[in-house]
Amino acid sequence: DLELLKKIIGATKQRKLHQFLCKEFSNISTDYASRIVKELGQGVKDIAPKQMSDQHILRLHQFMHQVRFGDPDGKYLSPAGEYNLRLGVMKELNPDMVATYQGDAKALEGHAFIVEAAVSIGGKDPTIEQNQLNVFRFANRIPLLFEQGNDVITKTAQAMKWNRGDAKA
């Protein structure tokens, strides 16, 4: 997005375009940044990002759309974590059983995310039925409310035989 690129340029503290590309974008190495600066031409080599003309910014934007970058690795994400997720469910629902899961960082369309889930059964809260299955899903700490109950986590939890001997509270 061109407007986002302009905002990032406006907020950067970097004084050179090469530094800007390396520091502001997680998957641009110094070699790759040098190549981008070279491709953009001599007029931008020593220019500060904030001093780039609209034409330079547009050329950078177009170039960035033509190049394939690797997916972000997710090192800047901060998931809640299984321990905190478990504590939250225990505090709010006081369930008979709770299980939590945190997936590895993945990327979709250049956006990194981490999926976390908690499944609980029953609870001491009067609004919860006995043996009621509760599924909580999150991506980057944001609750996933869309198509609730129609996802793989819920379908798997519903398919399990929770009264068997190997699934104990």
N, C-alpha and C. Protein backbone atom coordinates (compact mmCIF):
# COMPACT_ATOMS: atom_id res chain seq x y z
N ASP A 1 0.84 -1.17 0.00
CA ASP A 1 0.00 0.00 0.00
C ASP A 1 0.89 1.24 0.00
N LEU A 2 0.66 2.11 -0.93
CA LEU A 2 1.47 3.32 -1.10
C LEU A 2 1.35 4.24 0.10
N GLU A 3 0.15 4.39 0.63
CA GLU A 3 -0.05 5.28 1.80
C GLU A 3 0.68 4.74 3.02
N LEU A 4 0.68 3.43 3.20
CA LEU A 4 1.41 2.83 4.32
C LEU A 4 2.91 3.06 4.18
N LEU A 5 3.42 2.91 2.97
CA LEU A 5 4.84 3.17 2.73
C LEU A 5 5.17 4.62 3.06
N LYS A 6 4.31 5.56 2.69
CA LYS A 6 4.54 6.97 3.01
C LYS A 6 4.54 7.20 4.52
N LYS A 7 3.65 6.52 5.23
CA LYS A 7 3.61 6.65 6.70
C LYS A 7 4.88 6.11 7.34
N ILE A 8 5.35 4.96 6.85
CA ILE A 8 6.57 4.37 7.38
C ILE A 8 7.76 5.29 7.12
N ILE A 9 7.82 5.85 5.93
CA ILE A 9 8.89 6.79 5.59
C ILE A 9 8.81 8.02 6.49
N GLY A 10 7.62 8.52 6.71
CA GLY A 10 7.44 9.69 7.57
C GLY A 10 7.82 9.45 9.02
N ALA A 11 7.71 8.22 9.48
CA ALA A 11 7.99 7.91 10.88
C ALA A 11 9.41 7.40 11.13
N THR A 12 10.15 7.09 10.08
CA THR A 12 11.47 6.49 10.27
C THR A 12 12.48 7.49 10.82
N LYS A 13 13.45 6.96 11.54
CA LYS A 13 14.56 7.77 12.05
C LYS A 13 15.82 7.53 11.23
N GLN A 14 15.72 6.67 10.24
CA GLN A 14 16.88 6.34 9.40
C GLN A 14 17.21 7.51 8.47
N ARG A 15 18.51 7.72 8.25
CA ARG A 15 18.97 8.86 7.44
C ARG A 15 19.33 8.48 6.01
N LYS A 16 19.44 7.21 5.73
CA LYS A 16 19.78 6.74 4.38
C LYS A 16 18.74 5.71 3.95
N LEU A 17 18.45 5.67 2.66
CA LEU A 17 17.46 4.74 2.12
C LEU A 17 17.86 3.30 2.40
N HIS A 18 19.13 2.98 2.27
CA HIS A 18 19.64 1.63 2.53
C HIS A 18 19.34 1.21 3.97
N GLN A 19 19.64 2.10 4.92
CA GLN A 19 19.37 1.81 6.34
C GLN A 19 17.87 1.65 6.58
N PHE A 20 17.10 2.53 5.95
CA PHE A 20 15.65 2.48 6.09
C PHE A 20 15.11 1.11 5.66
N LEU A 21 15.54 0.63 4.51
CA LEU A 21 15.06 -0.66 4.00
C LEU A 21 15.45 -1.80 4.93
N CYS A 22 16.66 -1.77 5.46
CA CYS A 22 17.14 -2.85 6.35
C CYS A 22 16.44 -2.84 7.71
N LYS A 23 16.20 -1.65 8.26
CA LYS A 23 15.66 -1.55 9.62
C LYS A 23 14.14 -1.64 9.67
N GLU A 24 13.45 -1.12 8.69
CA GLU A 24 12.00 -1.04 8.74
C GLU A 24 11.29 -2.27 8.17
N PHE A 25 12.01 -3.08 7.40
CA PHE A 25 11.42 -4.26 6.78
C PHE A 25 12.20 -5.49 7.22
N SER A 26 11.53 -6.41 7.88
CA SER A 26 12.22 -7.53 8.52
C SER A 26 12.91 -8.50 7.55
N ASN A 27 12.46 -8.59 6.33
CA ASN A 27 13.04 -9.57 5.40
C ASN A 27 13.91 -8.95 4.32
N ILE A 28 14.38 -7.75 4.53
CA ILE A 28 15.29 -7.14 3.57
C ILE A 28 16.68 -7.11 4.18
N SER A 29 17.56 -7.93 3.63
CA SER A 29 18.95 -7.99 4.11
C SER A 29 19.72 -6.80 3.56
N THR A 30 20.95 -6.61 4.03
CA THR A 30 21.77 -5.49 3.55
C THR A 30 22.08 -5.66 2.06
N ASP A 31 22.33 -6.90 1.64
CA ASP A 31 22.60 -7.14 0.22
C ASP A 31 21.38 -6.82 -0.63
N TYR A 32 20.23 -7.24 -0.17
CA TYR A 32 18.99 -7.00 -0.90
C TYR A 32 18.68 -5.50 -0.95
N ALA A 33 18.91 -4.81 0.17
CA ALA A 33 18.68 -3.36 0.21
C ALA A 33 19.61 -2.65 -0.76
N SER A 34 20.86 -3.08 -0.84
CA SER A 34 21.80 -2.48 -1.79
C SER A 34 21.31 -2.68 -3.22
N ARG A 35 20.80 -3.85 -3.50
CA ARG A 35 20.28 -4.13 -4.83
C ARG A 35 19.07 -3.25 -5.17
N ILE A 36 18.18 -3.07 -4.19
CA ILE A 36 16.99 -2.23 -4.40
C ILE A 36 17.42 -0.79 -4.68
N VAL A 37 18.36 -0.26 -3.87
CA VAL A 37 18.83 1.10 -4.06
C VAL A 37 19.47 1.26 -5.44
N LYS A 38 20.25 0.26 -5.84
CA LYS A 38 20.90 0.30 -7.16
C LYS A 38 19.85 0.30 -8.28
N GLU A 39 18.83 -0.53 -8.15
CA GLU A 39 17.77 -0.62 -9.16
C GLU A 39 16.98 0.69 -9.27
N LEU A 40 16.83 1.39 -8.15
CA LEU A 40 16.08 2.64 -8.17
C LEU A 40 16.84 3.76 -8.87
N GLY A 41 18.15 3.62 -9.00
CA GLY A 41 18.94 4.61 -9.74
C GLY A 41 19.77 5.50 -8.85
N GLN A 42 20.65 6.28 -9.47
CA GLN A 42 21.60 7.12 -8.75
C GLN A 42 20.93 8.22 -7.93
N GLY A 43 19.78 8.68 -8.33
CA GLY A 43 19.13 9.80 -7.65
C GLY A 43 18.72 9.52 -6.22
N VAL A 44 18.67 8.26 -5.81
CA VAL A 44 18.20 7.94 -4.46
C VAL A 44 19.28 7.32 -3.58
N LYS A 45 20.47 7.13 -4.08
CA LYS A 45 21.51 6.40 -3.34
C LYS A 45 21.80 7.03 -1.97
N ASP A 46 22.02 8.34 -1.94
CA ASP A 46 22.40 8.99 -0.68
C ASP A 46 21.28 9.84 -0.09
N ILE A 47 20.09 9.68 -0.60
CA ILE A 47 18.98 10.52 -0.14
C ILE A 47 18.40 9.96 1.16
N ALA A 48 17.96 10.87 2.03
CA ALA A 48 17.26 10.47 3.25
C ALA A 48 15.83 10.07 2.87
N PRO A 49 15.30 9.03 3.47
CA PRO A 49 13.94 8.60 3.12
C PRO A 49 12.90 9.72 3.20
N LYS A 50 13.01 10.58 4.20
CA LYS A 50 12.04 11.66 4.37
C LYS A 50 12.16 12.73 3.29
N GLN A 51 13.28 12.74 2.57
CA GLN A 51 13.48 13.73 1.51
C GLN A 51 13.16 13.16 0.13
N MET A 52 12.65 11.93 0.08
CA MET A 52 12.30 11.32 -1.20
C MET A 52 11.10 12.03 -1.80
N SER A 53 11.15 12.26 -3.09
CA SER A 53 10.01 12.88 -3.78
C SER A 53 8.90 11.85 -3.93
N ASP A 54 7.71 12.31 -4.27
CA ASP A 54 6.58 11.39 -4.50
C ASP A 54 6.91 10.42 -5.63
N GLN A 55 7.66 10.89 -6.61
CA GLN A 55 8.05 10.02 -7.73
C GLN A 55 8.98 8.91 -7.25
N HIS A 56 9.94 9.25 -6.38
CA HIS A 56 10.85 8.24 -5.83
C HIS A 56 10.08 7.21 -4.99
N ILE A 57 9.15 7.70 -4.18
CA ILE A 57 8.37 6.80 -3.33
C ILE A 57 7.51 5.88 -4.19
N LEU A 58 6.93 6.42 -5.24
CA LEU A 58 6.12 5.61 -6.15
C LEU A 58 6.98 4.55 -6.83
N ARG A 59 8.19 4.90 -7.26
CA ARG A 59 9.09 3.92 -7.87
C ARG A 59 9.48 2.83 -6.88
N LEU A 60 9.76 3.23 -5.63
CA LEU A 60 10.09 2.25 -4.59
C LEU A 60 8.90 1.32 -4.37
N HIS A 61 7.71 1.88 -4.29
CA HIS A 61 6.49 1.10 -4.08
C HIS A 61 6.29 0.09 -5.21
N GLN A 62 6.44 0.56 -6.44
CA GLN A 62 6.28 -0.33 -7.60
C GLN A 62 7.33 -1.43 -7.60
N PHE A 63 8.56 -1.07 -7.27
CA PHE A 63 9.63 -2.06 -7.24
C PHE A 63 9.36 -3.12 -6.16
N MET A 64 8.89 -2.68 -5.01
CA MET A 64 8.62 -3.62 -3.92
C MET A 64 7.48 -4.57 -4.28
N HIS A 65 6.57 -4.15 -5.14
CA HIS A 65 5.50 -5.03 -5.58
C HIS A 65 5.96 -6.05 -6.62
N GLN A 66 7.02 -5.73 -7.33
CA GLN A 66 7.54 -6.63 -8.36
C GLN A 66 8.45 -7.71 -7.79
N VAL A 67 9.01 -7.46 -6.64
CA VAL A 67 9.98 -8.38 -6.04
C VAL A 67 9.28 -9.30 -5.05
N ARG A 68 9.70 -10.54 -5.01
CA ARG A 68 9.14 -11.52 -4.06
C ARG A 68 10.02 -11.55 -2.81
N PHE A 69 9.43 -11.17 -1.70
CA PHE A 69 10.12 -11.22 -0.41
C PHE A 69 9.72 -12.48 0.32
N GLY A 70 10.60 -12.97 1.17
CA GLY A 70 10.26 -14.12 2.00
C GLY A 70 9.20 -13.75 3.02
N ASP A 71 8.52 -14.74 3.54
CA ASP A 71 7.51 -14.49 4.56
C ASP A 71 8.17 -14.04 5.86
N PRO A 72 7.52 -13.16 6.61
CA PRO A 72 8.07 -12.75 7.90
C PRO A 72 8.13 -13.94 8.85
N ASP A 73 9.09 -13.92 9.73
CA ASP A 73 9.31 -15.08 10.61
C ASP A 73 8.51 -15.04 11.91
N GLY A 74 7.92 -13.94 12.25
CA GLY A 74 7.10 -13.87 13.46
C GLY A 74 7.87 -13.55 14.72
N LYS A 75 9.15 -13.20 14.60
CA LYS A 75 9.94 -12.94 15.81
C LYS A 75 9.48 -11.69 16.55
N TYR A 76 8.72 -10.84 15.89
CA TYR A 76 8.23 -9.63 16.54
C TYR A 76 6.83 -9.81 17.14
N LEU A 77 6.27 -10.99 17.02
CA LEU A 77 4.96 -11.26 17.59
C LEU A 77 5.08 -11.58 19.07
N SER A 78 4.03 -11.32 19.79
CA SER A 78 4.03 -11.56 21.23
C SER A 78 2.74 -12.30 21.61
N PRO A 79 2.74 -13.63 21.47
CA PRO A 79 1.53 -14.39 21.80
C PRO A 79 1.28 -14.40 23.31
N ALA A 80 0.05 -14.69 23.68
CA ALA A 80 -0.30 -14.77 25.10
C ALA A 80 0.44 -15.93 25.75
N GLY A 81 0.56 -17.04 25.05
CA GLY A 81 1.23 -18.22 25.58
C GLY A 81 0.26 -19.19 26.22
N GLU A 82 0.61 -20.46 26.17
CA GLU A 82 -0.28 -21.50 26.70
C GLU A 82 -0.54 -21.32 28.19
N TYR A 83 0.49 -20.95 28.95
CA TYR A 83 0.35 -20.80 30.39
C TYR A 83 -0.66 -19.71 30.72
N ASN A 84 -0.53 -18.54 30.11
CA ASN A 84 -1.45 -17.43 30.38
C ASN A 84 -2.86 -17.73 29.88
N LEU A 85 -2.95 -18.41 28.76
CA LEU A 85 -4.26 -18.80 28.24
C LEU A 85 -4.96 -19.74 29.22
N ARG A 86 -4.21 -20.71 29.73
CA ARG A 86 -4.76 -21.65 30.71
C ARG A 86 -5.21 -20.92 31.98
N LEU A 87 -4.37 -20.01 32.46
CA LEU A 87 -4.72 -19.26 33.67
C LEU A 87 -6.00 -18.45 33.47
N GLY A 88 -6.14 -17.81 32.31
CA GLY A 88 -7.33 -17.02 32.03
C GLY A 88 -8.60 -17.84 32.02
N VAL A 89 -8.54 -19.00 31.37
CA VAL A 89 -9.72 -19.88 31.31
C VAL A 89 -10.04 -20.41 32.71
N MET A 90 -9.01 -20.80 33.44
CA MET A 90 -9.23 -21.33 34.81
C MET A 90 -9.86 -20.26 35.70
N LYS A 91 -9.38 -19.03 35.59
CA LYS A 91 -9.89 -17.93 36.43
C LYS A 91 -11.34 -17.60 36.09
N GLU A 92 -11.65 -17.51 34.79
CA GLU A 92 -12.99 -17.07 34.38
C GLU A 92 -14.04 -18.17 34.44
N LEU A 93 -13.69 -19.41 34.09
CA LEU A 93 -14.68 -20.47 33.98
C LEU A 93 -14.58 -21.52 35.07
N ASN A 94 -13.39 -21.67 35.65
CA ASN A 94 -13.14 -22.73 36.63
C ASN A 94 -13.66 -24.07 36.10
N PRO A 95 -13.14 -24.49 34.92
CA PRO A 95 -13.66 -25.69 34.26
C PRO A 95 -13.21 -26.98 34.92
N ASP A 96 -13.88 -28.07 34.53
CA ASP A 96 -13.49 -29.39 35.00
C ASP A 96 -12.19 -29.83 34.34
N MET A 97 -11.99 -29.40 33.09
CA MET A 97 -10.78 -29.74 32.36
C MET A 97 -10.47 -28.63 31.37
N VAL A 98 -9.19 -28.37 31.14
CA VAL A 98 -8.77 -27.36 30.16
C VAL A 98 -7.52 -27.84 29.44
N ALA A 99 -7.46 -27.57 28.15
CA ALA A 99 -6.28 -27.89 27.35
C ALA A 99 -5.99 -26.67 26.48
N THR A 100 -4.71 -26.35 26.31
CA THR A 100 -4.32 -25.20 25.52
C THR A 100 -3.30 -25.60 24.46
N TYR A 101 -3.19 -24.77 23.43
CA TYR A 101 -2.25 -25.03 22.34
C TYR A 101 -1.78 -23.70 21.74
N GLN A 102 -0.50 -23.64 21.42
CA GLN A 102 0.05 -22.50 20.71
C GLN A 102 0.80 -23.02 19.50
N GLY A 103 0.40 -22.59 18.31
CA GLY A 103 1.04 -23.02 17.08
C GLY A 103 2.31 -22.24 16.80
N ASP A 104 3.04 -22.67 15.80
CA ASP A 104 4.22 -21.96 15.34
C ASP A 104 3.80 -20.75 14.53
N ALA A 105 4.71 -19.81 14.38
CA ALA A 105 4.43 -18.62 13.56
C ALA A 105 4.27 -19.03 12.10
N LYS A 106 3.25 -18.52 11.48
CA LYS A 106 2.98 -18.75 10.06
C LYS A 106 2.77 -17.39 9.40
N ALA A 107 2.69 -17.38 8.09
CA ALA A 107 2.44 -16.12 7.37
C ALA A 107 1.41 -16.36 6.29
N LEU A 108 0.57 -15.37 6.09
CA LEU A 108 -0.42 -15.39 5.02
C LEU A 108 -0.42 -14.01 4.37
N GLU A 109 -0.17 -13.98 3.08
CA GLU A 109 -0.11 -12.74 2.31
C GLU A 109 0.83 -11.73 2.95
N GLY A 110 1.95 -12.21 3.48
CA GLY A 110 2.97 -11.33 4.04
C GLY A 110 2.73 -10.91 5.47
N HIS A 111 1.68 -11.42 6.11
CA HIS A 111 1.37 -11.06 7.49
C HIS A 111 1.63 -12.26 8.40
N ALA A 112 2.48 -12.08 9.38
CA ALA A 112 2.79 -13.16 10.31
C ALA A 112 1.70 -13.26 11.37
N PHE A 113 1.45 -14.50 11.82
CA PHE A 113 0.46 -14.70 12.87
C PHE A 113 0.79 -15.98 13.63
N ILE A 114 0.29 -16.04 14.86
CA ILE A 114 0.40 -17.23 15.70
C ILE A 114 -1.00 -17.54 16.20
N VAL A 115 -1.45 -18.77 15.96
CA VAL A 115 -2.76 -19.20 16.42
C VAL A 115 -2.62 -19.88 17.78
N GLU A 116 -3.51 -19.51 18.69
CA GLU A 116 -3.56 -20.12 20.01
C GLU A 116 -4.99 -20.56 20.27
N ALA A 117 -5.15 -21.62 21.05
CA ALA A 117 -6.49 -22.11 21.33
C ALA A 117 -6.55 -22.70 22.75
N ALA A 118 -7.72 -22.63 23.32
CA ALA A 118 -8.00 -23.26 24.60
C ALA A 118 -9.33 -23.99 24.48
N VAL A 119 -9.38 -25.19 25.00
CA VAL A 119 -10.60 -25.99 25.02
C VAL A 119 -10.87 -26.32 26.48
N SER A 120 -12.09 -26.07 26.93
CA SER A 120 -12.44 -26.43 28.31
C SER A 120 -13.75 -27.18 28.31
N ILE A 121 -13.93 -27.98 29.37
CA ILE A 121 -15.16 -28.74 29.54
C ILE A 121 -15.76 -28.36 30.88
N GLY A 122 -17.06 -28.05 30.82
CA GLY A 122 -17.79 -27.75 32.05
C GLY A 122 -17.27 -26.52 32.75
N GLY A 123 -17.65 -26.40 33.99
CA GLY A 123 -17.20 -25.29 34.80
C GLY A 123 -18.12 -25.06 35.98
N LYS A 124 -17.63 -24.32 36.91
CA LYS A 124 -18.39 -24.05 38.14
C LYS A 124 -19.35 -22.88 37.96
N ASP A 125 -19.22 -22.15 36.87
CA ASP A 125 -20.10 -21.02 36.58
C ASP A 125 -21.51 -21.55 36.32
N PRO A 126 -22.56 -20.96 36.93
CA PRO A 126 -23.93 -21.47 36.74
C PRO A 126 -24.44 -21.33 35.30
N THR A 127 -23.83 -20.48 34.49
CA THR A 127 -24.29 -20.31 33.10
C THR A 127 -23.74 -21.39 32.19
N ILE A 128 -22.82 -22.20 32.69
CA ILE A 128 -22.21 -23.26 31.87
C ILE A 128 -22.83 -24.60 32.23
N GLU A 129 -23.30 -25.30 31.20
CA GLU A 129 -23.88 -26.62 31.42
C GLU A 129 -22.79 -27.62 31.77
N GLN A 130 -23.19 -28.69 32.46
CA GLN A 130 -22.24 -29.74 32.79
C GLN A 130 -21.76 -30.39 31.49
N ASN A 131 -20.48 -30.61 31.38
CA ASN A 131 -19.81 -31.20 30.21
C ASN A 131 -19.94 -30.35 28.95
N GLN A 132 -20.26 -29.07 29.09
CA GLN A 132 -20.31 -28.18 27.93
C GLN A 132 -18.89 -27.94 27.42
N LEU A 133 -18.75 -28.02 26.11
CA LEU A 133 -17.45 -27.81 25.47
C LEU A 133 -17.32 -26.33 25.11
N ASN A 134 -16.23 -25.69 25.57
CA ASN A 134 -15.96 -24.29 25.27
C ASN A 134 -14.65 -24.20 24.50
N VAL A 135 -14.67 -23.56 23.36
CA VAL A 135 -13.48 -23.41 22.53
C VAL A 135 -13.18 -21.93 22.36
N PHE A 136 -11.94 -21.55 22.65
CA PHE A 136 -11.49 -20.17 22.50
C PHE A 136 -10.31 -20.17 21.54
N ARG A 137 -10.43 -19.36 20.48
CA ARG A 137 -9.38 -19.31 19.44
C ARG A 137 -8.86 -17.88 19.34
N PHE A 138 -7.56 -17.76 19.15
CA PHE A 138 -6.93 -16.44 19.03
C PHE A 138 -5.88 -16.47 17.93
N ALA A 139 -5.70 -15.34 17.26
CA ALA A 139 -4.60 -15.14 16.33
C ALA A 139 -3.96 -13.81 16.72
N ASN A 140 -2.71 -13.86 17.12
CA ASN A 140 -2.00 -12.65 17.59
C ASN A 140 -2.78 -11.96 18.71
N ARG A 141 -3.27 -12.77 19.65
CA ARG A 141 -4.01 -12.31 20.83
C ARG A 141 -5.40 -11.75 20.53
N ILE A 142 -5.83 -11.84 19.30
CA ILE A 142 -7.15 -11.32 18.93
C ILE A 142 -8.12 -12.50 18.85
N PRO A 143 -9.24 -12.43 19.56
CA PRO A 143 -10.20 -13.54 19.51
C PRO A 143 -10.73 -13.75 18.10
N LEU A 144 -10.79 -15.00 17.68
CA LEU A 144 -11.34 -15.35 16.37
C LEU A 144 -12.81 -15.70 16.57
N LEU A 145 -13.67 -14.79 16.21
CA LEU A 145 -15.11 -14.96 16.43
C LEU A 145 -15.85 -15.36 15.17
N PHE A 146 -15.22 -15.21 14.01
CA PHE A 146 -15.86 -15.51 12.74
C PHE A 146 -16.05 -17.01 12.58
N GLU A 147 -17.23 -17.43 12.17
CA GLU A 147 -17.57 -18.84 11.98
C GLU A 147 -17.20 -19.70 13.19
N GLN A 148 -17.54 -19.20 14.35
CA GLN A 148 -17.26 -19.91 15.58
C GLN A 148 -17.96 -21.26 15.57
N GLY A 149 -17.26 -22.30 15.90
CA GLY A 149 -17.82 -23.65 15.91
C GLY A 149 -17.69 -24.36 14.58
N ASN A 150 -17.19 -23.67 13.57
CA ASN A 150 -17.08 -24.26 12.25
C ASN A 150 -15.61 -24.43 11.85
N ASP A 151 -14.73 -24.48 12.84
CA ASP A 151 -13.30 -24.56 12.58
C ASP A 151 -12.76 -25.93 12.97
N VAL A 152 -11.54 -26.19 12.59
CA VAL A 152 -10.90 -27.48 12.84
C VAL A 152 -10.75 -27.76 14.34
N ILE A 153 -10.44 -26.74 15.12
CA ILE A 153 -10.24 -26.93 16.56
C ILE A 153 -11.53 -27.42 17.21
N THR A 154 -12.64 -26.74 16.93
CA THR A 154 -13.93 -27.13 17.51
C THR A 154 -14.37 -28.49 17.02
N LYS A 155 -14.25 -28.75 15.72
CA LYS A 155 -14.67 -30.05 15.18
C LYS A 155 -13.85 -31.19 15.77
N THR A 156 -12.57 -30.99 15.97
CA THR A 156 -11.71 -32.02 16.57
C THR A 156 -12.10 -32.25 18.03
N ALA A 157 -12.31 -31.16 18.74
CA ALA A 157 -12.69 -31.29 20.16
C ALA A 157 -14.04 -31.98 20.31
N GLN A 158 -14.98 -31.69 19.42
CA GLN A 158 -16.29 -32.32 19.49
C GLN A 158 -16.23 -33.80 19.11
N ALA A 159 -15.29 -34.17 18.24
CA ALA A 159 -15.18 -35.56 17.79
C ALA A 159 -14.50 -36.45 18.83
N MET A 160 -13.77 -35.86 19.77
CA MET A 160 -13.07 -36.66 20.79
C MET A 160 -14.07 -37.30 21.75
N LYS A 161 -13.71 -38.46 22.22
CA LYS A 161 -14.51 -39.14 23.24
C LYS A 161 -13.90 -38.79 24.60
N TRP A 162 -14.44 -37.73 25.19
CA TRP A 162 -13.84 -37.18 26.41
C TRP A 162 -14.06 -38.06 27.64
N ASN A 163 -14.97 -39.01 27.56
CA ASN A 163 -15.21 -39.86 28.72
C ASN A 163 -14.34 -41.11 28.74
N ARG A 164 -13.46 -41.27 27.75
CA ARG A 164 -12.55 -42.41 27.72
C ARG A 164 -11.51 -42.26 28.84
N GLY A 165 -10.84 -43.35 29.13
CA GLY A 165 -9.85 -43.34 30.21
C GLY A 165 -8.63 -42.51 29.94
N ASP A 166 -8.27 -42.28 28.67
CA ASP A 166 -7.05 -41.52 28.41
C ASP A 166 -7.29 -40.02 28.34
N ALA A 167 -8.51 -39.54 28.46
CA ALA A 167 -8.81 -38.11 28.51
C ALA A 167 -9.40 -37.83 29.88
N LYS A 168 -8.56 -37.47 30.81
CA LYS A 168 -8.99 -37.25 32.19
C LYS A 168 -8.93 -35.78 32.56
N ALA A 169 -9.79 -35.41 33.46
CA ALA A 169 -9.82 -34.02 33.95
C ALA A 169 -8.69 -33.80 34.93
